[in-house]
């Protein structure tokens, strides 16, 4: 299957392994902040410079992970097999069944705490609510 990754420029600072959504400017991406965001991809693990922890600063190109199997940053503990959705700063959190949200990813492994990077599979749905 042919994989296509859009050429996006960062509208604000984005850290590695964060969910990326479109900004209101053409071909500009920012870190996702809510379950209802339209997801365009997940930033890869690279950093922009040897002296920066950011994947991209405003105006830098964003490199998205090219596969449906992606590494994400947890916002809280996540169990393998749970559906997850985007939350603050491009991190992800487990879907609460009563929320009415639809999972954007399914965890392939667990994440023990906030900030832990883990593997997940991107589901076909791109908007969680």
Protein backbone atom coordinates (compact mmCIF):
# COMPACT_ATOMS: atom_id res chain seq x y z
CA UNK A 1 0.00 0.00 0.00
CA UNK A 2 1.27 3.45 -0.89
CA UNK A 3 1.82 5.67 2.13
CA UNK A 4 1.44 9.43 1.72
CA UNK A 5 2.64 11.92 4.28
CA UNK A 6 1.72 15.58 3.79
CA UNK A 7 4.45 18.21 3.88
CA UNK A 8 3.40 20.29 6.87
CA UNK A 9 5.03 23.26 8.56
CA UNK A 10 4.70 23.67 12.34
CA UNK A 11 2.33 26.44 13.46
CA UNK A 12 3.75 26.14 16.99
CA UNK A 13 6.27 23.97 18.84
CA UNK A 14 5.64 20.22 18.53
CA UNK A 15 7.41 17.57 20.60
CA UNK A 16 8.39 14.09 19.32
CA UNK A 17 5.71 11.35 19.29
CA UNK A 18 2.78 13.78 19.46
CA UNK A 19 -0.54 13.66 17.62
CA UNK A 20 -0.70 16.36 14.93
CA UNK A 21 -3.79 18.10 13.58
CA UNK A 22 -4.27 20.70 10.85
CA UNK A 23 -4.13 24.34 11.87
CA UNK A 24 -6.31 26.98 10.21
CA UNK A 25 -3.48 27.96 7.81
CA UNK A 26 -2.91 25.84 4.70
CA UNK A 27 -0.29 23.08 5.11
CA UNK A 28 0.35 24.06 8.73
CA UNK A 29 0.13 21.55 11.58
CA UNK A 30 -0.01 21.88 15.35
CA UNK A 31 -0.19 19.49 18.30
CA UNK A 32 -3.67 18.08 18.78
CA UNK A 33 -5.44 19.34 21.91
CA UNK A 34 -8.80 17.51 22.04
CA UNK A 35 -10.60 14.28 21.21
CA UNK A 36 -12.62 16.00 18.48
CA UNK A 37 -9.61 17.13 16.44
CA UNK A 38 -9.08 15.82 12.91
CA UNK A 39 -5.78 13.92 13.14
CA UNK A 40 -3.36 14.05 10.18
CA UNK A 41 -0.54 12.05 11.76
CA UNK A 42 1.97 11.61 14.57
CA UNK A 43 5.34 13.38 14.74
CA UNK A 44 8.35 11.09 14.57
CA UNK A 45 11.03 10.84 17.27
CA UNK A 46 13.53 13.26 15.76
CA UNK A 47 14.42 16.62 17.27
CA UNK A 48 15.13 19.78 15.31
CA UNK A 49 18.60 20.45 16.66
CA UNK A 50 21.06 18.79 18.98
CA UNK A 51 20.22 21.44 21.60
CA UNK A 52 16.42 21.20 21.43
CA UNK A 53 13.88 18.71 22.76
CA UNK A 54 11.26 19.89 20.23
CA UNK A 55 10.54 17.92 17.09
CA UNK A 56 9.70 21.20 15.31
CA UNK A 57 9.46 24.86 16.25
CA UNK A 58 7.17 27.36 14.50
CA UNK A 59 8.03 27.39 10.79
CA UNK A 60 9.99 24.11 10.82
CA UNK A 61 8.92 21.10 8.72
CA UNK A 62 7.05 18.32 10.55
CA UNK A 63 8.09 14.71 9.89
CA UNK A 64 5.14 12.35 10.42
CA UNK A 65 5.55 8.64 11.17
CA UNK A 66 4.87 6.86 7.84
CA UNK A 67 2.92 3.84 9.11
CA UNK A 68 -0.33 3.04 10.90
CA UNK A 69 1.80 1.53 13.70
CA UNK A 70 3.02 4.60 15.56
CA UNK A 71 4.69 5.59 18.80
CA UNK A 72 2.64 7.95 20.96
CA UNK A 73 3.16 9.82 24.23
CA UNK A 74 0.74 8.89 27.03
CA UNK A 75 -0.95 11.49 29.21
CA UNK A 76 -1.84 8.88 31.87
CA UNK A 77 -1.61 5.12 32.39
CA UNK A 78 -2.90 3.11 29.41
CA UNK A 79 -3.49 -0.65 29.13
CA UNK A 80 -2.68 -2.71 26.04
CA UNK A 81 -5.82 -3.09 23.93
CA UNK A 82 -7.45 0.14 25.12
CA UNK A 83 -8.67 2.72 22.63
CA UNK A 84 -6.95 6.09 22.99
CA UNK A 85 -7.72 9.64 21.88
CA UNK A 86 -5.80 12.89 21.61
CA UNK A 87 -5.67 15.25 24.55
CA UNK A 88 -3.57 18.24 25.64
CA UNK A 89 -0.25 18.94 23.84
CA UNK A 90 -0.65 16.03 21.41
CA UNK A 91 -0.53 13.34 24.10
CA UNK A 92 -3.14 10.58 24.26
CA UNK A 93 -5.44 9.26 26.97
CA UNK A 94 -7.66 6.17 27.22
CA UNK A 95 -11.20 6.51 25.88
CA UNK A 96 -13.89 6.69 28.56
CA UNK A 97 -16.81 4.54 27.33
CA UNK A 98 -19.51 6.92 28.59
CA UNK A 99 -17.93 9.94 26.83
CA UNK A 100 -19.26 9.03 23.39
CA UNK A 101 -15.78 9.46 21.89
CA UNK A 102 -14.51 7.06 19.25
CA UNK A 103 -10.94 5.80 19.61
CA UNK A 104 -8.38 7.23 17.18
CA UNK A 105 -5.74 4.61 18.08
CA UNK A 106 -5.61 1.25 19.89
CA UNK A 107 -2.73 0.60 22.30
CA UNK A 108 -0.49 -2.29 21.22
CA UNK A 109 1.26 -2.18 24.59
CA UNK A 110 0.70 -0.50 27.92
CA UNK A 111 2.02 2.83 29.14
CA UNK A 112 2.57 3.18 32.88
CA UNK A 113 2.36 6.94 33.35
CA UNK A 114 2.28 10.43 31.87
CA UNK A 115 5.07 10.99 29.37
CA UNK A 116 5.74 7.33 28.58
CA UNK A 117 6.11 6.49 24.88
CA UNK A 118 4.30 3.38 23.66
CA UNK A 119 3.26 1.64 20.43
CA UNK A 120 -0.28 1.98 19.05
CA UNK A 121 -2.17 1.29 15.84
CA UNK A 122 -3.93 4.17 14.08
CA UNK A 123 -7.57 3.32 13.39
CA UNK A 124 -9.35 4.36 10.17
CA UNK A 125 -11.52 6.96 11.95
CA UNK A 126 -9.71 10.30 12.13
CA UNK A 127 -12.05 12.23 14.43
CA UNK A 128 -12.92 10.98 17.89
CA UNK A 129 -16.34 12.56 18.37
